Amino acid sequence: MQDYDEVTAFLGHWGHFQQSVFFLLCASVLPNGFGSFSLIFLTDIPRHHCLVPDINLTEDWHQAIIPMEMVNGKLELSRCRRYRLDVVKNLSAQGYIPGQDVNLTNLEQEGCVDGWSYSKDIYKSTIVSEFDLVCSEEWKQPFTSTVYFMGVLVGSFFSGQLSDRFGRKPVLFLTMALQTLFTFVQIFSSSWTVFCILLFISGLGQISNYVSAFVLGTEIFTGNVRVLFSSMGVCLAFAFGFMMLPLFAYFLRDWTYLLLGISLPGLLYFPLWWLIPESPRWLLSQGRVEEAENIVKYAAKKNKVEAPQVIFDDYDSPTQANERHSIFIVIQSTYILGMNRISYVTGYFGLSLNTSRLHADPFISCFISAAVEVPAYITSWLALQYLPRRLAVVSILLLGGVSLLIQIFNFFFPSGLSYLSITLEMVGKFGITTGTALMFVYTAELFPTVLRNTATGMCTTVSRVGSCIAPFLLKLSQYFKYLPYITLGTLAVVSAFATVFLPESFGRPLPQTIEQMHKRER
């Protein structure tokens, strides 16, 4: 069988065709950046306390009706309790002064039976204030993110198989449409349950279109351009989208306006259907040689080079085209076991740490977390250019894991070292983000064209198991502040050592068939 890269070498690596497809695919990823992490702001919990109805109380009792409680070493107004309204009303009518005539510690308390009053210092509203996801309903706040990532998990699983069967391009645009439409429809949610159902469907498209665009570009580009696209192109586009999110959230502080702001840009991408081609590699794997040749000849025309009359005259693919490559082939592969473990951990870290609160201002916090990804992706590109895959992944994951584990030493230092804690967390984020980018490329290089999108989707699926529990993992800090860091750092180190058992792909052509994949394995 001919090698695709050699057969299409006449096109060059960076002609007008490759440039236009490169930037269009990167542009299609931008909405994933601000869409993936919009829950940081949508589900943020504003300061709140029990609502006090407009009744006749003295000013002293208005100030004292919400009891004080100790939170992280500071006295704050209770979020979920108030003194019994009928008792306070009676004491106020009799002229008693709280704290002077009445010992407040002896007063009976009650829950927020009249609802809550939410601070509007930062947000006009979030889904937490809209649907009262506080106090006894507080578990719904992290579970909302879990529902979303469950949608991402299911979407990653099925989109990979659909893409390998029906093509990269149709699945790319189908998942973009799902993401855009159901993000918009969430605005009209009448309850938290309805919101979660729509959020789940929106999650089906999220990341799935990222994976489709990633695989499509990986198969169209060759040489150093492929490495540049898969390590910096789509990744930096994702990071820039993420960096745009706090800007959206800063100006659109109502959750409905924020959803509208992040959904409407998706409409601009549907004209790209006529500008982005299908993957010639995938067409060849399906035996559709003539269609693949037409795309390559079109690319030659755009690049102003002459294409041979017959390009794929010795492409032995009918057997591959007629063979049904089910998910079980991927599961049985010795590759997928290792890849699943690695992808699980790296995806888990990336998504969990992205929701960290680094600064008192959530918009600055989000921007810092997003900005760290830019040098991380540049580093991944350099590593992919010059370092063997295993060495690069092991080194960078150890850096991230150890940085997170070192956080435990902050327990023994005064609180004045908070900036050291932020620095260590950002170094950990840098290492794990770089490792995630490397593993996306590594996965695409290990699996053959007939299974590449399925395998990438499978690995992404397994990683989303981690993202589903990530919102609840952060709650471990209620028991011990550094427990999330210990957990994440340990998993990163384990992931680094697991990478040693994967085969090397540095400097080798992409496998076209399962047979070529197994030859590389041997």
Protein backbone atom coordinates (compact mmCIF):
# COMPACT_ATOMS: atom_id res chain seq x y z
CA MET A 1 0.00 0.00 0.00
CA GLN A 2 1.23 3.51 -0.82
CA ASP A 3 2.04 5.93 1.99
CA TYR A 4 -0.37 8.87 1.89
CA ASP A 5 2.27 11.43 2.88
CA GLU A 6 4.59 10.34 0.07
CA VAL A 7 1.83 10.23 -2.57
CA THR A 8 0.63 13.77 -1.74
CA ALA A 9 4.12 15.24 -1.25
CA PHE A 10 3.70 17.28 -4.46
CA LEU A 11 1.18 19.49 -2.61
CA GLY A 12 3.81 20.79 -0.23
CA HIS A 13 3.19 21.32 3.47
CA TRP A 14 2.05 24.95 3.70
CA GLY A 15 0.28 26.06 0.56
CA HIS A 16 -2.84 28.20 0.30
CA PHE A 17 -5.06 25.12 0.74
CA GLN A 18 -3.39 24.04 3.98
CA GLN A 19 -3.36 27.61 5.31
CA SER A 20 -7.09 28.15 4.76
CA VAL A 21 -8.08 24.77 6.26
CA PHE A 22 -5.68 25.34 9.18
CA PHE A 23 -7.22 28.65 10.23
CA LEU A 24 -10.82 27.61 9.54
CA LEU A 25 -10.49 24.50 11.71
CA CYS A 26 -8.85 26.56 14.46
CA ALA A 27 -11.67 29.10 14.23
CA SER A 28 -14.25 26.32 14.65
CA VAL A 29 -12.68 25.46 18.02
CA LEU A 30 -13.00 28.94 19.57
CA PRO A 31 -16.59 28.39 20.87
CA ASN A 32 -15.41 25.24 22.66
CA GLY A 33 -13.08 27.35 24.78
CA PHE A 34 -15.70 29.66 26.23
CA GLY A 35 -18.49 27.08 26.08
CA SER A 36 -16.68 24.34 28.01
CA PHE A 37 -16.07 26.42 31.11
CA SER A 38 -19.08 28.74 31.10
CA LEU A 39 -20.34 26.74 34.09
CA ILE A 40 -17.64 28.48 36.16
CA PHE A 41 -19.86 31.57 36.04
CA LEU A 42 -23.26 30.01 35.41
CA THR A 43 -23.04 27.91 38.58
CA ASP A 44 -21.12 30.33 40.78
CA ILE A 45 -22.66 30.78 44.23
CA PRO A 46 -23.31 34.44 45.14
CA ARG A 47 -23.18 35.52 48.77
CA HIS A 48 -26.60 34.89 50.25
CA HIS A 49 -28.62 34.66 53.45
CA CYS A 50 -32.21 34.01 54.43
CA LEU A 51 -34.72 36.45 53.04
CA VAL A 52 -36.46 38.57 55.67
CA PRO A 53 -39.98 39.62 54.61
CA ASP A 54 -40.90 43.28 54.73
CA ILE A 55 -42.41 43.33 58.22
CA ASN A 56 -42.42 45.83 61.06
CA LEU A 57 -39.06 45.30 62.85
CA THR A 58 -36.76 47.77 64.53
CA GLU A 59 -33.46 48.52 62.79
CA ASP A 60 -31.54 46.61 65.48
CA TRP A 61 -33.57 43.46 64.89
CA HIS A 62 -33.28 43.82 61.12
CA GLN A 63 -29.51 43.73 61.58
CA ALA A 64 -29.54 40.88 64.12
CA ILE A 65 -32.13 38.46 62.69
CA ILE A 66 -29.47 36.59 60.68
CA PRO A 67 -27.15 34.76 63.12
CA MET A 68 -23.37 34.87 62.75
CA GLU A 69 -21.31 31.72 62.24
CA MET A 70 -17.63 30.88 61.87
CA VAL A 71 -16.54 30.06 58.28
CA ASN A 72 -12.86 29.39 57.56
CA GLY A 73 -11.86 31.27 60.68
CA LYS A 74 -14.06 34.30 59.95
CA LEU A 75 -17.43 35.37 61.30
CA GLU A 76 -20.03 35.59 58.54
CA LEU A 77 -23.79 35.87 58.28
CA SER A 78 -25.39 32.43 58.25
CA ARG A 79 -26.36 31.34 54.75
CA CYS A 80 -29.05 28.87 55.72
CA ARG A 81 -30.46 29.88 59.12
CA ARG A 82 -32.26 32.81 60.71
CA TYR A 83 -33.84 33.44 64.10
CA ARG A 84 -37.50 32.47 64.19
CA LEU A 85 -39.41 35.29 62.61
CA ASP A 86 -42.45 35.15 64.92
CA VAL A 87 -40.23 35.27 68.03
CA VAL A 88 -38.14 38.15 66.68
CA LYS A 89 -41.27 40.05 65.67
CA ASN A 90 -42.68 39.70 69.18
CA LEU A 91 -39.41 40.81 70.84
CA SER A 92 -39.15 43.78 68.50
CA ALA A 93 -42.73 44.85 69.28
CA GLN A 94 -41.94 44.75 73.01
CA GLY A 95 -38.95 47.05 72.53
CA TYR A 96 -36.22 44.59 73.47
CA ILE A 97 -32.75 45.30 72.09
CA PRO A 98 -30.83 42.28 70.66
CA GLY A 99 -27.57 41.47 72.43
CA GLN A 100 -28.48 43.77 75.29
CA ASP A 101 -31.88 42.70 76.55
CA VAL A 102 -31.90 39.38 74.74
CA ASN A 103 -29.16 36.74 74.61
CA LEU A 104 -29.17 35.78 70.91
CA THR A 105 -27.49 32.44 71.48
CA ASN A 106 -30.62 31.23 73.26
CA LEU A 107 -33.02 32.21 70.48
CA GLU A 108 -34.57 29.43 68.41
CA GLN A 109 -33.52 29.33 64.77
CA GLU A 110 -35.26 28.20 61.57
CA GLY A 111 -34.39 27.57 57.95
CA CYS A 112 -34.91 29.98 55.07
CA VAL A 113 -38.63 29.30 54.75
CA ASP A 114 -39.21 32.53 52.80
CA GLY A 115 -36.33 32.00 50.37
CA TRP A 116 -32.97 33.71 50.10
CA SER A 117 -31.55 37.14 49.43
CA TYR A 118 -28.60 37.02 46.99
CA SER A 119 -25.83 39.55 46.66
CA LYS A 120 -25.65 41.28 43.28
CA ASP A 121 -22.17 42.71 43.79
CA ILE A 122 -20.70 40.39 41.14
CA TYR A 123 -23.61 38.79 39.25
CA LYS A 124 -27.12 39.95 38.50
CA SER A 125 -28.09 36.28 38.56
CA THR A 126 -26.73 32.77 38.15
CA ILE A 127 -28.59 29.48 37.93
CA VAL A 128 -27.86 29.12 41.66
CA SER A 129 -29.85 32.23 42.48
CA GLU A 130 -32.41 31.49 39.78
CA PHE A 131 -33.27 28.00 41.05
CA ASP A 132 -32.14 28.36 44.71
CA LEU A 133 -29.37 25.73 44.58
CA VAL A 134 -28.21 26.46 48.12
CA CYS A 135 -28.40 24.97 51.61
CA SER A 136 -30.30 21.65 51.41
CA GLU A 137 -30.23 21.93 47.60
CA GLU A 138 -26.53 22.80 47.43
CA TRP A 139 -25.64 19.34 46.08
CA LYS A 140 -27.34 20.35 42.83
CA GLN A 141 -24.69 22.99 42.16
CA PRO A 142 -21.74 20.59 41.56
CA PHE A 143 -24.12 18.00 40.12
CA THR A 144 -25.06 20.48 37.38
CA SER A 145 -21.48 20.39 36.12
CA THR A 146 -21.50 16.60 36.41
CA VAL A 147 -24.60 16.40 34.19
CA TYR A 148 -22.83 18.50 31.59
CA PHE A 149 -19.72 16.32 31.61
CA MET A 150 -21.89 13.22 31.39
CA GLY A 151 -23.24 14.68 28.15
CA VAL A 152 -19.66 15.26 27.00
CA LEU A 153 -18.82 11.67 27.94
CA VAL A 154 -21.70 10.17 25.94
CA GLY A 155 -21.04 12.50 23.02
CA SER A 156 -17.35 11.60 22.93
CA PHE A 157 -18.20 7.90 22.92
CA PHE A 158 -20.67 7.96 20.05
CA SER A 159 -19.25 10.80 17.95
CA GLY A 160 -15.97 8.94 17.51
CA GLN A 161 -17.70 5.89 16.09
CA LEU A 162 -20.05 7.99 13.95
CA SER A 163 -17.11 9.96 12.59
CA ASP A 164 -15.22 6.81 11.61
CA ARG A 165 -18.32 5.46 9.90
CA PHE A 166 -19.91 8.51 8.28
CA GLY A 167 -17.01 10.93 8.00
CA ARG A 168 -15.21 13.61 9.98
CA LYS A 169 -16.93 16.57 8.35
CA PRO A 170 -20.62 15.60 8.90
CA VAL A 171 -20.02 14.82 12.58
CA LEU A 172 -18.05 18.05 13.05
CA PHE A 173 -20.97 20.17 11.87
CA LEU A 174 -23.65 18.03 13.50
CA THR A 175 -22.02 18.38 16.92
CA MET A 176 -21.47 22.11 16.38
CA ALA A 177 -25.19 22.46 15.66
CA LEU A 178 -26.11 20.51 18.81
CA GLN A 179 -23.86 22.66 20.94
CA THR A 180 -25.12 25.96 19.50
CA LEU A 181 -28.83 25.14 19.48
CA PHE A 182 -29.16 23.66 22.96
CA THR A 183 -26.92 26.24 24.59
CA PHE A 184 -29.37 28.84 23.29
CA VAL A 185 -32.48 26.87 24.32
CA GLN A 186 -31.23 26.64 27.92
CA ILE A 187 -32.18 30.31 28.29
CA PHE A 188 -35.85 29.29 28.41
CA SER A 189 -35.44 26.67 31.16
CA SER A 190 -38.37 26.77 33.54
CA SER A 191 -36.71 24.67 36.24
CA TRP A 192 -33.36 23.21 37.25
CA THR A 193 -34.41 19.80 35.90
CA VAL A 194 -35.22 21.22 32.46
CA PHE A 195 -31.95 23.17 32.50
CA CYS A 196 -29.97 19.99 33.23
CA ILE A 197 -31.68 18.03 30.44
CA LEU A 198 -30.83 20.75 27.92
CA LEU A 199 -27.33 21.06 29.36
CA PHE A 200 -26.76 17.33 28.89
CA ILE A 201 -27.78 17.55 25.21
CA SER A 202 -25.54 20.59 24.74
CA GLY A 203 -22.70 18.55 26.24
CA LEU A 204 -23.19 15.90 23.55
CA GLY A 205 -21.84 18.36 21.01
CA GLN A 206 -19.22 19.98 23.20
CA ILE A 207 -15.70 18.52 22.80
CA SER A 208 -17.07 16.07 20.20
CA ASN A 209 -16.70 18.75 17.54
CA TYR A 210 -13.26 19.59 18.97
CA VAL A 211 -12.18 15.96 18.54
CA SER A 212 -13.62 15.82 15.01
CA ALA A 213 -11.82 19.03 14.01
CA PHE A 214 -8.62 17.76 15.62
CA VAL A 215 -8.70 14.43 13.77
CA LEU A 216 -9.73 16.07 10.49
CA GLY A 217 -6.75 18.43 10.63
CA THR A 218 -4.39 15.66 11.73
CA GLU A 219 -5.32 13.64 8.66
CA ILE A 220 -5.26 16.52 6.15
CA PHE A 221 -1.93 18.05 7.18
CA THR A 222 1.46 16.42 6.83
CA GLY A 223 4.91 16.86 8.32
CA ASN A 224 5.60 19.70 10.73
CA VAL A 225 2.28 21.38 9.88
CA ARG A 226 0.44 18.41 11.38
CA VAL A 227 2.43 18.77 14.59
CA LEU A 228 1.88 22.54 14.62
CA PHE A 229 -1.88 22.14 14.14
CA SER A 230 -2.42 19.38 16.70
CA SER A 231 -0.20 20.86 19.41
CA MET A 232 -0.59 24.62 18.98
CA GLY A 233 -3.28 25.34 16.39
CA VAL A 234 -6.44 23.87 17.89
CA CYS A 235 -5.09 24.06 21.43
CA LEU A 236 -4.29 27.76 21.28
CA ALA A 237 -7.64 28.44 19.62
CA PHE A 238 -9.28 26.63 22.53
CA ALA A 239 -7.19 28.65 25.02
CA PHE A 240 -8.07 31.96 23.33
CA GLY A 241 -11.73 30.99 23.48
CA PHE A 242 -11.29 30.24 27.18
CA MET A 243 -9.60 33.63 27.68
CA MET A 244 -12.59 35.31 26.04
CA LEU A 245 -14.98 33.74 28.57
CA PRO A 246 -14.25 36.12 31.49
CA LEU A 247 -14.75 39.03 29.09
CA PHE A 248 -18.18 37.67 28.13
CA ALA A 249 -19.02 37.04 31.78
CA TYR A 250 -17.81 40.49 32.90
CA PHE A 251 -20.20 42.32 30.56
CA LEU A 252 -23.01 39.74 30.65
CA ARG A 253 -23.58 39.17 34.35
CA ASP A 254 -27.03 37.65 33.98
CA TRP A 255 -26.92 33.91 33.28
CA THR A 256 -29.44 34.15 30.41
CA TYR A 257 -27.45 36.88 28.65
CA LEU A 258 -24.25 34.90 29.12
CA LEU A 259 -25.79 31.83 27.47
CA LEU A 260 -27.04 34.02 24.63
CA GLY A 261 -23.58 35.55 24.22
CA ILE A 262 -21.77 32.21 23.98
CA SER A 263 -24.34 30.52 21.73
CA LEU A 264 -24.86 33.11 18.98
CA PRO A 265 -21.25 33.01 17.67
CA GLY A 266 -21.86 29.38 16.72
CA LEU A 267 -24.15 30.53 13.91
CA LEU A 268 -21.18 32.11 12.14
CA TYR A 269 -19.52 28.73 11.62
CA PHE A 270 -22.08 26.92 9.49
CA PRO A 271 -20.98 28.57 6.20
CA LEU A 272 -17.67 26.77 6.78
CA TRP A 273 -19.37 23.61 5.45
CA TRP A 274 -18.52 24.79 1.93
CA LEU A 275 -14.93 25.69 2.83
CA ILE A 276 -13.71 22.74 4.93
CA PRO A 277 -13.14 19.48 2.98
CA GLU A 278 -13.59 15.90 4.13
CA SER A 279 -10.47 13.95 5.13
CA PRO A 280 -8.93 12.28 2.05
CA ARG A 281 -7.38 9.66 4.33
CA TRP A 282 -10.80 8.69 5.65
CA LEU A 283 -12.27 8.57 2.13
CA LEU A 284 -9.46 6.24 1.07
CA SER A 285 -10.06 4.01 4.08
CA GLN A 286 -13.67 3.67 2.88
CA GLY A 287 -12.64 2.83 -0.69
CA ARG A 288 -13.89 6.21 -2.02
CA VAL A 289 -10.74 6.84 -4.03
CA GLU A 290 -12.28 9.13 -6.63
CA GLU A 291 -13.61 11.55 -3.99
CA ALA A 292 -10.23 11.59 -2.25
CA GLU A 293 -8.50 12.35 -5.55
CA ASN A 294 -10.89 15.21 -6.28
CA ILE A 295 -10.05 16.84 -2.94
CA VAL A 296 -6.32 16.43 -3.49
CA LYS A 297 -6.60 17.85 -7.03
CA TYR A 298 -8.57 20.80 -5.65
CA ALA A 299 -5.80 21.33 -3.09
CA ALA A 300 -3.20 21.22 -5.87
CA LYS A 301 -5.14 23.86 -7.81
CA LYS A 302 -5.30 26.12 -4.73
CA ASN A 303 -1.59 25.62 -4.13
CA LYS A 304 -0.85 26.28 -7.82
CA VAL A 305 0.94 22.99 -8.37
CA GLU A 306 0.27 20.31 -10.97
CA ALA A 307 -1.30 17.06 -9.76
CA PRO A 308 -0.78 13.69 -11.47
CA GLN A 309 -3.64 12.41 -13.60
CA VAL A 310 -4.01 9.41 -11.28
CA ILE A 311 -2.91 10.01 -7.72
CA PHE A 312 -3.89 6.87 -5.81
CA ASP A 313 -3.36 4.26 -8.52
CA ASP A 314 -2.00 1.64 -6.14
CA TYR A 315 -4.12 2.29 -3.07
CA ASP A 316 -5.14 -1.10 -1.72
CA SER A 317 -8.19 -0.16 0.35
CA PRO A 318 -11.35 -2.10 -0.70
CA THR A 319 -10.81 -4.75 1.95
CA GLN A 320 -10.43 -2.05 4.57
CA ALA A 321 -13.51 -0.24 3.30
CA ASN A 322 -15.74 -3.27 3.52
CA GLU A 323 -14.51 -4.34 6.94
CA ARG A 324 -16.64 -3.17 9.88
CA HIS A 325 -14.39 -1.78 12.57
CA SER A 326 -16.43 -1.96 15.75
CA ILE A 327 -15.57 -0.53 19.13
CA PHE A 328 -14.58 -4.00 20.31
CA ILE A 329 -11.48 -3.94 18.13
CA VAL A 330 -10.37 -0.81 19.97
CA ILE A 331 -11.08 -2.33 23.37
CA GLN A 332 -9.17 -5.48 22.49
CA SER A 333 -6.16 -3.48 21.34
CA THR A 334 -3.26 -3.41 23.73
CA TYR A 335 -2.99 0.30 23.03
CA ILE A 336 -6.38 1.38 24.27
CA LEU A 337 -5.88 0.05 27.81
CA GLY A 338 -2.89 2.28 28.40
CA MET A 339 -4.36 5.21 26.51
CA ASN A 340 -7.56 5.10 28.53
CA ARG A 341 -5.70 5.31 31.79
CA ILE A 342 -3.57 8.21 30.64
CA SER A 343 -6.44 10.12 29.08
CA TYR A 344 -8.57 9.56 32.17
CA VAL A 345 -6.01 11.18 34.41
CA THR A 346 -4.96 14.07 32.17
CA GLY A 347 -8.54 14.98 31.28
CA TYR A 348 -9.48 14.70 34.93
CA PHE A 349 -6.77 17.11 36.00
CA GLY A 350 -7.35 19.61 33.26
CA LEU A 351 -11.08 19.98 33.84
CA SER A 352 -10.93 19.91 37.62
CA LEU A 353 -8.19 22.49 37.96
CA ASN A 354 -9.82 24.83 35.46
CA THR A 355 -12.53 25.56 38.02
CA SER A 356 -10.04 26.57 40.74
CA ARG A 357 -10.54 29.91 42.41
CA LEU A 358 -7.23 31.76 42.39
CA HIS A 359 -8.27 35.35 43.14
CA ALA A 360 -11.03 37.19 44.95
CA ASP A 361 -12.26 38.46 41.59
CA PRO A 362 -13.69 35.48 39.62
CA PHE A 363 -13.05 37.18 36.27
CA ILE A 364 -9.34 37.65 37.00
CA SER A 365 -9.24 34.12 38.40
CA CYS A 366 -10.64 32.66 35.20
CA PHE A 367 -8.33 34.71 32.99
CA ILE A 368 -5.23 33.58 34.92
CA SER A 369 -6.29 29.95 34.62
CA ALA A 370 -6.87 30.38 30.88
CA ALA A 371 -3.69 32.38 30.21
CA VAL A 372 -1.50 29.63 31.69
CA GLU A 373 -2.63 27.38 28.85
CA VAL A 374 -0.91 29.53 26.19
CA PRO A 375 2.69 28.75 27.28
CA ALA A 376 1.59 25.18 27.99
CA TYR A 377 0.53 24.64 24.37
CA ILE A 378 3.65 26.35 23.02
CA THR A 379 5.69 23.98 25.17
CA SER A 380 3.75 20.99 23.85
CA TRP A 381 4.53 22.07 20.27
CA LEU A 382 8.25 22.34 21.01
CA ALA A 383 8.21 18.98 22.77
CA LEU A 384 6.45 17.31 19.84
CA GLN A 385 8.97 18.80 17.44
CA TYR A 386 12.11 17.64 19.19
CA LEU A 387 11.39 15.04 21.88
CA PRO A 388 10.22 11.40 21.82
CA ARG A 389 6.58 11.15 22.86
CA ARG A 390 7.08 9.03 25.95
CA LEU A 391 9.91 11.19 27.31
CA ALA A 392 7.90 14.38 26.76
CA VAL A 393 4.70 13.08 28.38
CA VAL A 394 6.44 11.48 31.37
CA SER A 395 8.54 14.59 32.10
CA ILE A 396 5.72 17.10 31.87
CA LEU A 397 3.25 15.04 33.90
CA LEU A 398 5.82 14.53 36.64
CA LEU A 399 6.34 18.31 36.73
CA GLY A 400 2.59 18.89 37.10
CA GLY A 401 2.03 16.09 39.60
CA VAL A 402 4.94 16.99 41.88
CA SER A 403 3.92 20.68 41.86
CA LEU A 404 0.48 19.73 43.11
CA LEU A 405 1.86 17.39 45.76
CA ILE A 406 4.16 20.12 47.08
CA GLN A 407 1.03 22.10 47.98
CA ILE A 408 0.83 20.00 51.14
CA PHE A 409 3.84 21.88 52.54
CA ASN A 410 1.82 25.10 52.56
CA PHE A 411 -0.02 23.55 55.49
CA PHE A 412 3.08 24.16 57.62
CA PHE A 413 3.62 27.75 56.52
CA PRO A 414 1.74 30.95 57.44
CA SER A 415 -1.13 32.11 55.27
CA GLY A 416 1.08 34.90 53.93
CA LEU A 417 2.42 32.39 51.38
CA SER A 418 -0.84 32.35 49.40
CA TYR A 419 0.98 33.54 46.28
CA LEU A 420 3.30 30.55 46.52
CA SER A 421 0.24 28.32 46.60
CA ILE A 422 -1.17 30.03 43.49
CA THR A 423 2.20 29.66 41.73
CA LEU A 424 2.41 25.94 42.52
CA GLU A 425 -1.15 25.40 41.35
CA MET A 426 -0.41 27.21 38.09
CA VAL A 427 2.76 25.16 37.54
CA GLY A 428 0.63 22.05 38.08
CA LYS A 429 -1.96 23.40 35.64
CA PHE A 430 0.81 24.15 33.14
CA GLY A 431 2.25 20.63 33.33
CA ILE A 432 -1.08 18.85 33.11
CA THR A 433 -2.38 21.06 30.28
CA THR A 434 0.81 20.40 28.31
CA GLY A 435 0.44 16.68 28.97
CA THR A 436 -3.17 16.76 27.77
CA ALA A 437 -2.15 18.38 24.47
CA LEU A 438 0.65 15.84 24.03
CA MET A 439 -1.71 12.93 24.67
CA PHE A 440 -4.19 14.12 22.03
CA VAL A 441 -1.42 14.01 19.43
CA TYR A 442 -0.04 10.73 20.80
CA THR A 443 -3.45 9.08 20.50
CA ALA A 444 -3.91 10.20 16.89
CA GLU A 445 -0.47 8.87 15.99
CA LEU A 446 -0.96 5.45 17.57
CA PHE A 447 -4.24 4.45 15.97
CA PRO A 448 -4.93 3.78 12.26
CA THR A 449 -7.17 5.92 10.07
CA VAL A 450 -10.03 3.40 10.17
CA LEU A 451 -10.20 3.70 13.96
CA ARG A 452 -8.56 7.04 14.70
CA ASN A 453 -11.67 9.04 15.57
CA THR A 454 -13.22 6.12 17.48
CA ALA A 455 -10.06 5.66 19.51
CA THR A 456 -9.70 9.39 20.18
CA GLY A 457 -13.37 9.53 21.18
CA MET A 458 -12.96 6.50 23.43
CA CYS A 459 -9.99 8.03 25.22
CA THR A 460 -11.84 11.31 25.57
CA THR A 461 -14.85 9.38 26.90
CA VAL A 462 -12.82 7.70 29.61
CA SER A 463 -11.23 11.01 30.58
CA ARG A 464 -14.71 12.50 31.05
CA VAL A 465 -15.39 10.00 33.82
CA GLY A 466 -12.84 12.04 35.74
CA SER A 467 -14.44 15.32 34.74
CA CYS A 468 -17.84 14.07 35.94
CA ILE A 469 -16.56 13.62 39.49
CA ALA A 470 -14.29 16.70 39.39
CA PRO A 471 -16.92 19.11 40.79
CA PHE A 472 -17.38 16.87 43.83
CA LEU A 473 -13.63 16.29 44.20
CA LEU A 474 -13.19 19.99 44.95
CA LYS A 475 -15.56 19.59 47.90
CA LEU A 476 -12.89 17.46 49.61
CA SER A 477 -11.25 20.74 50.61
CA GLN A 478 -14.01 21.10 53.21
CA TYR A 479 -12.37 18.24 55.13
CA PHE A 480 -8.74 19.07 54.42
CA LYS A 481 -7.74 22.06 52.30
CA TYR A 482 -5.01 20.24 50.36
CA LEU A 483 -6.75 16.90 49.84
CA PRO A 484 -7.76 17.70 46.20
CA TYR A 485 -4.14 18.54 45.39
CA ILE A 486 -2.88 15.31 46.94
CA THR A 487 -5.40 13.31 44.92
CA LEU A 488 -4.67 15.06 41.62
CA GLY A 489 -0.92 15.05 42.10
CA THR A 490 -0.86 11.33 42.87
CA LEU A 491 -2.90 10.50 39.78
CA ALA A 492 -0.58 12.62 37.62
CA VAL A 493 2.49 10.74 38.84
CA VAL A 494 0.77 7.38 38.26
CA SER A 495 -0.22 8.50 34.76
CA ALA A 496 3.37 9.50 33.99
CA PHE A 497 4.68 6.04 34.86
CA ALA A 498 1.88 4.33 32.91
CA THR A 499 3.02 6.17 29.78
CA VAL A 500 6.26 4.16 29.79
CA PHE A 501 4.31 1.11 28.58
CA LEU A 502 3.01 2.84 25.44
CA PRO A 503 4.79 2.36 22.08
CA GLU A 504 6.83 5.21 20.58
CA SER A 505 5.45 7.10 17.54
CA PHE A 506 7.96 9.94 17.16
CA GLY A 507 9.11 10.38 13.56
CA ARG A 508 6.93 7.57 12.19
CA PRO A 509 4.14 7.85 9.59
CA LEU A 510 0.50 7.61 10.65
CA PRO A 511 -0.74 4.00 10.41
CA GLN A 512 -3.47 3.53 7.84
CA THR A 513 -4.69 0.04 8.84
CA ILE A 514 -5.03 -2.14 11.92
CA GLU A 515 -2.30 -4.38 10.49
CA GLN A 516 0.15 -1.47 10.39
CA MET A 517 -0.79 -0.59 13.97
CA HIS A 518 -0.01 -4.11 15.16
CA LYS A 519 3.29 -4.15 13.26
CA ARG A 520 4.30 -1.00 15.09
CA GLU A 521 3.25 -2.60 18.38
CA ARG A 522 5.42 -5.65 17.73
